[in-house]
Amino acid sequence: MRDPLLHFILIGIAIFALHRLLRSDVQTVEITQTMVASAQADFVRRTGRTPGAAEQEQLVAQLVEEEILVREGQALSLSEGDAVLRRRLITRMRLLLASTAPPLPTDDDLAALLAARPERYTRPPTVTFQHVFLDSARHSALSDAARHVVSALQAGAAPESLGDPFLHGRAMTAADEAAIAEKLGADFAAGVMVLPAEEWRSVRSGYGEHVVFVEHHYPARAATLAEARTALAADWQETARSEAAATALAAIRAQYRVVLP
């Protein structure tokens, strides 16, 4: 294992667990009005407004949490207490607390998450289309050229016999708006998604003009477990880490007496 952060977490878990077993005293954490005022000023700098009542409570709760994490980290000799190390210490303590989360979810875990939040993993609408490309560098009057292509197609001309070569090919199958935009630009993608099916229509892109024939629109649908596996696993692990950190912090906080201004 060469990752120093991983070394820190693994060693830290053992030290942290032993440290908690050896301590039975209740410590006092005092949050001063100066600390609250500083947190409020920072909130105003970040948001451009003063905090509301609920946000004010959250600021105070965060001050308490951070002060407890600093105390615990200092007790573990992770910092000498200066301002820069204080922020690093809080980050390290959060990592340490969250590192007790289960590392990998099971398929049952992922299926339960998918069932609980299906809208988060919905697959977007897709479209299958072909197009005849007209390069803006080769045609001085793109709109006129596009009308000529439409007339030729309606008269029975083969699409592949018309237009100019295009780097990304002449067709896309079951592509969502993001995939289309990646190749042909956002404006083109938005235009294609609303075209009627089975009609040749002209759509402009940054490359030139495209005479497009939408073969089929596919509506948005629920994702399968296989399709959403990566996103599900990331969300599950993030939730597990947050819950593990919250549980560990609650146990630590129970050993502190908090004094508020």
Protein backbone atom coordinates (compact mmCIF):
# COMPACT_ATOMS: atom_id res chain seq x y z
CA MET A 1 0.00 0.00 0.00
CA ARG A 2 1.70 3.18 -1.20
CA ASP A 3 -1.11 5.73 -0.68
CA PRO A 4 -0.17 7.84 2.39
CA LEU A 5 -3.81 8.81 2.97
CA LEU A 6 -4.80 5.14 3.10
CA HIS A 7 -1.98 4.50 5.58
CA PHE A 8 -3.21 7.40 7.68
CA ILE A 9 -6.80 6.12 7.73
CA LEU A 10 -5.93 2.51 8.56
CA ILE A 11 -3.50 3.43 11.31
CA GLY A 12 -5.78 6.19 12.50
CA ILE A 13 -8.75 3.87 12.97
CA ALA A 14 -6.79 1.71 15.38
CA ILE A 15 -5.39 4.68 17.31
CA PHE A 16 -8.73 6.41 17.37
CA ALA A 17 -10.58 3.35 18.70
CA LEU A 18 -8.01 2.84 21.47
CA HIS A 19 -8.08 6.53 22.36
CA ARG A 20 -11.84 6.48 22.79
CA LEU A 21 -11.70 3.40 25.01
CA LEU A 22 -9.15 5.01 27.32
CA ARG A 23 -11.09 8.26 27.73
CA SER A 24 -14.09 8.51 30.02
CA ASP A 25 -14.06 12.20 30.99
CA VAL A 26 -16.59 14.73 29.75
CA GLN A 27 -14.95 17.80 28.23
CA THR A 28 -16.44 21.26 27.70
CA VAL A 29 -16.57 22.95 24.32
CA GLU A 30 -17.38 26.66 24.45
CA ILE A 31 -18.55 28.50 21.36
CA THR A 32 -18.01 32.24 21.81
CA GLN A 33 -19.89 35.12 20.24
CA THR A 34 -16.71 36.04 18.38
CA MET A 35 -16.62 32.60 16.75
CA VAL A 36 -20.29 32.90 15.75
CA ALA A 37 -19.74 36.38 14.32
CA SER A 38 -16.78 35.12 12.27
CA ALA A 39 -18.89 32.24 10.89
CA GLN A 40 -21.67 34.67 10.01
CA ALA A 41 -19.23 36.97 8.21
CA ASP A 42 -17.86 34.03 6.23
CA PHE A 43 -21.41 33.03 5.27
CA VAL A 44 -22.11 36.56 4.01
CA ARG A 45 -18.88 36.54 1.95
CA ARG A 46 -19.81 33.21 0.35
CA THR A 47 -23.50 33.85 -0.31
CA GLY A 48 -23.92 37.61 -0.41
CA ARG A 49 -26.66 37.55 2.22
CA THR A 50 -27.15 37.11 5.95
CA PRO A 51 -28.06 33.64 7.25
CA GLY A 52 -31.66 32.82 8.12
CA ALA A 53 -32.72 31.27 11.42
CA ALA A 54 -32.21 27.67 10.26
CA GLU A 55 -28.89 28.55 8.63
CA GLN A 56 -27.79 30.31 11.81
CA GLU A 57 -28.46 27.13 13.79
CA GLN A 58 -26.49 25.14 11.22
CA LEU A 59 -23.54 27.54 11.51
CA VAL A 60 -23.44 27.08 15.27
CA ALA A 61 -23.80 23.31 14.96
CA GLN A 62 -20.90 23.26 12.51
CA LEU A 63 -18.76 25.30 14.91
CA VAL A 64 -19.46 22.78 17.67
CA GLU A 65 -18.68 19.87 15.37
CA GLU A 66 -15.43 21.38 14.13
CA GLU A 67 -14.26 22.30 17.64
CA ILE A 68 -14.89 18.72 18.79
CA LEU A 69 -13.00 17.31 15.80
CA VAL A 70 -10.08 19.64 16.53
CA ARG A 71 -10.01 18.54 20.18
CA GLU A 72 -10.07 14.87 19.17
CA GLY A 73 -7.38 15.36 16.55
CA GLN A 74 -5.17 17.26 18.99
CA ALA A 75 -5.64 14.49 21.54
CA LEU A 76 -4.35 12.10 18.88
CA SER A 77 -1.37 14.44 18.27
CA LEU A 78 -2.43 15.07 14.67
CA SER A 79 -1.88 18.82 14.90
CA GLU A 80 -0.08 21.47 16.88
CA GLY A 81 -3.09 23.78 16.60
CA ASP A 82 -2.16 26.57 14.20
CA ALA A 83 -4.82 27.98 11.85
CA VAL A 84 -3.76 26.11 8.70
CA LEU A 85 -3.32 22.80 10.47
CA ARG A 86 -6.70 23.26 12.15
CA ARG A 87 -8.50 23.08 8.79
CA ARG A 88 -6.40 20.10 7.69
CA LEU A 89 -7.09 18.44 11.00
CA ILE A 90 -10.85 18.82 10.63
CA THR A 91 -10.66 17.32 7.14
CA ARG A 92 -8.54 14.42 8.38
CA MET A 93 -10.89 13.75 11.27
CA ARG A 94 -13.89 13.67 8.92
CA LEU A 95 -12.05 11.18 6.70
CA LEU A 96 -11.16 9.11 9.72
CA LEU A 97 -14.73 8.99 10.98
CA ALA A 98 -16.11 8.19 7.52
CA SER A 99 -13.55 5.45 6.87
CA THR A 100 -15.57 2.98 8.96
CA ALA A 101 -18.25 2.80 6.23
CA PRO A 102 -18.68 -0.53 4.37
CA PRO A 103 -16.39 -0.32 1.32
CA LEU A 104 -18.58 -2.07 -1.27
CA PRO A 105 -22.37 -2.36 -1.59
CA THR A 106 -24.09 -5.61 -2.53
CA ASP A 107 -26.51 -5.95 -5.44
CA ASP A 108 -29.33 -5.95 -2.88
CA ASP A 109 -28.06 -2.61 -1.52
CA LEU A 110 -28.00 -1.11 -5.02
CA ALA A 111 -31.41 -2.52 -5.94
CA ALA A 112 -32.92 -1.03 -2.79
CA LEU A 113 -31.42 2.37 -3.58
CA LEU A 114 -32.70 2.22 -7.17
CA ALA A 115 -36.19 1.31 -5.94
CA ALA A 116 -36.15 4.16 -3.40
CA ARG A 117 -35.00 6.85 -5.84
CA PRO A 118 -35.84 5.70 -9.39
CA GLU A 119 -36.21 9.29 -10.67
CA ARG A 120 -32.52 10.00 -9.95
CA TYR A 121 -31.41 7.23 -12.31
CA THR A 122 -33.96 7.71 -15.12
CA ARG A 123 -32.51 7.24 -18.58
CA PRO A 124 -33.06 10.33 -20.75
CA PRO A 125 -35.04 10.39 -24.01
CA THR A 126 -33.10 9.18 -27.03
CA VAL A 127 -33.42 9.42 -30.78
CA THR A 128 -32.27 7.46 -33.83
CA PHE A 129 -31.56 9.61 -36.89
CA GLN A 130 -29.58 9.94 -40.11
CA HIS A 131 -28.49 13.15 -41.76
CA VAL A 132 -27.03 14.63 -44.91
CA PHE A 133 -24.28 17.10 -44.07
CA LEU A 134 -23.58 20.34 -45.94
CA ASP A 135 -20.21 21.84 -45.05
CA SER A 136 -20.33 25.61 -44.52
CA ALA A 137 -16.82 25.84 -46.04
CA ARG A 138 -18.11 24.35 -49.32
CA HIS A 139 -21.49 26.04 -49.68
CA SER A 140 -21.93 29.80 -49.70
CA ALA A 141 -25.73 29.55 -49.43
CA LEU A 142 -26.43 26.77 -46.93
CA SER A 143 -30.20 27.27 -46.77
CA ASP A 144 -30.52 27.02 -50.55
CA ALA A 145 -28.30 23.92 -50.60
CA ALA A 146 -30.40 22.33 -47.84
CA ARG A 147 -33.65 22.96 -49.78
CA HIS A 148 -32.08 21.34 -52.83
CA VAL A 149 -31.11 18.27 -50.77
CA VAL A 150 -34.63 17.99 -49.29
CA SER A 151 -36.16 18.15 -52.77
CA ALA A 152 -33.76 15.47 -54.03
CA LEU A 153 -34.53 13.18 -51.08
CA GLN A 154 -38.27 13.61 -51.50
CA ALA A 155 -37.81 12.69 -55.16
CA GLY A 156 -36.19 9.41 -54.13
CA ALA A 157 -32.46 10.16 -54.12
CA ALA A 158 -30.30 7.99 -51.83
CA PRO A 159 -29.10 9.99 -48.79
CA GLU A 160 -25.56 8.65 -49.11
CA SER A 161 -25.34 10.11 -52.62
CA LEU A 162 -25.88 13.64 -51.35
CA GLY A 163 -23.99 16.11 -49.17
CA ASP A 164 -20.44 16.20 -47.89
CA PRO A 165 -18.40 13.75 -45.78
CA PHE A 166 -18.83 14.19 -42.03
CA LEU A 167 -16.24 13.22 -39.40
CA HIS A 168 -18.77 11.58 -37.05
CA GLY A 169 -20.70 9.65 -39.66
CA ARG A 170 -24.18 9.98 -41.11
CA ALA A 171 -26.27 8.40 -38.35
CA MET A 172 -26.68 7.97 -34.61
CA THR A 173 -28.69 5.22 -32.93
CA ALA A 174 -30.65 5.65 -29.67
CA ALA A 175 -28.50 8.64 -28.71
CA ASP A 176 -29.47 11.01 -25.91
CA GLU A 177 -29.13 14.78 -26.13
CA ALA A 178 -25.78 14.83 -24.31
CA ALA A 179 -24.26 12.23 -26.65
CA ILE A 180 -25.48 14.14 -29.71
CA ALA A 181 -24.20 17.44 -28.32
CA GLU A 182 -20.77 15.93 -27.76
CA LYS A 183 -20.41 15.30 -31.49
CA LEU A 184 -22.55 17.96 -33.13
CA GLY A 185 -23.03 20.72 -30.56
CA ALA A 186 -25.69 21.67 -28.05
CA ASP A 187 -27.89 23.68 -30.44
CA PHE A 188 -28.01 20.88 -32.98
CA ALA A 189 -28.78 18.32 -30.28
CA ALA A 190 -31.64 20.39 -28.86
CA GLY A 191 -33.08 20.84 -32.35
CA VAL A 192 -32.95 17.16 -33.25
CA MET A 193 -34.64 16.07 -30.02
CA VAL A 194 -37.83 17.93 -31.00
CA LEU A 195 -37.96 17.11 -34.71
CA PRO A 196 -41.00 15.15 -35.92
CA ALA A 197 -40.26 11.57 -36.96
CA GLU A 198 -40.04 10.38 -40.57
CA GLU A 199 -39.58 13.80 -42.15
CA TRP A 200 -36.48 15.40 -43.65
CA ARG A 201 -35.82 18.65 -41.79
CA SER A 202 -32.92 21.11 -41.87
CA VAL A 203 -30.95 21.74 -38.64
CA ARG A 204 -27.92 24.03 -38.32
CA SER A 205 -24.74 23.14 -36.37
CA GLY A 206 -21.36 24.75 -35.90
CA TYR A 207 -20.13 22.67 -38.85
CA GLY A 208 -22.78 23.66 -41.35
CA GLU A 209 -26.29 22.55 -42.29
CA HIS A 210 -27.71 19.06 -41.73
CA VAL A 211 -30.78 17.65 -43.41
CA VAL A 212 -32.03 15.27 -40.76
CA PHE A 213 -34.41 12.31 -40.85
CA VAL A 214 -35.52 11.12 -37.40
CA GLU A 215 -36.36 7.44 -37.58
CA HIS A 216 -37.60 7.05 -34.00
CA HIS A 217 -37.97 8.88 -30.69
CA TYR A 218 -37.57 6.84 -27.50
CA PRO A 219 -39.07 8.31 -24.31
CA ALA A 220 -37.29 8.57 -20.96
CA ARG A 221 -37.42 5.36 -18.96
CA ALA A 222 -36.38 3.84 -15.67
CA ALA A 223 -32.80 2.57 -15.63
CA THR A 224 -31.95 -1.05 -15.00
CA LEU A 225 -29.58 -2.02 -12.21
CA ALA A 226 -26.85 -2.78 -14.76
CA GLU A 227 -27.22 0.61 -16.46
CA ALA A 228 -27.16 2.59 -13.21
CA ARG A 229 -24.66 0.44 -11.31
CA THR A 230 -21.78 2.95 -11.33
CA ALA A 231 -23.93 5.90 -10.22
CA LEU A 232 -25.75 3.77 -7.65
CA ALA A 233 -22.51 2.51 -6.12
CA ALA A 234 -21.09 6.03 -5.87
CA ASP A 235 -24.25 7.35 -4.21
CA TRP A 236 -24.47 4.39 -1.84
CA GLN A 237 -20.88 4.76 -0.71
CA GLU A 238 -21.26 8.51 -0.20
CA THR A 239 -24.35 7.94 1.95
CA ALA A 240 -22.61 5.16 3.89
CA ARG A 241 -19.60 7.38 4.57
CA SER A 242 -21.83 10.25 5.72
CA GLU A 243 -23.85 7.99 8.01
CA ALA A 244 -20.74 6.41 9.48
CA ALA A 245 -19.22 9.81 10.15
CA ALA A 246 -22.45 11.12 11.70
CA THR A 247 -22.76 8.07 13.99
CA ALA A 248 -19.15 8.31 15.12
CA LEU A 249 -19.39 12.06 15.69
CA ALA A 250 -22.60 11.66 17.71
CA ALA A 251 -20.84 9.17 19.98
CA ILE A 252 -17.94 11.58 20.46
CA ARG A 253 -20.17 14.58 21.02
CA ALA A 254 -21.96 12.76 23.82
CA GLN A 255 -18.70 13.05 25.79
CA TYR A 256 -18.61 16.84 25.51
CA ARG A 257 -20.53 19.54 27.36
CA VAL A 258 -21.26 22.34 24.89
CA VAL A 259 -21.45 25.96 26.04
CA LEU A 260 -23.08 28.35 23.55
CA PRO A 261 -23.00 32.17 23.65
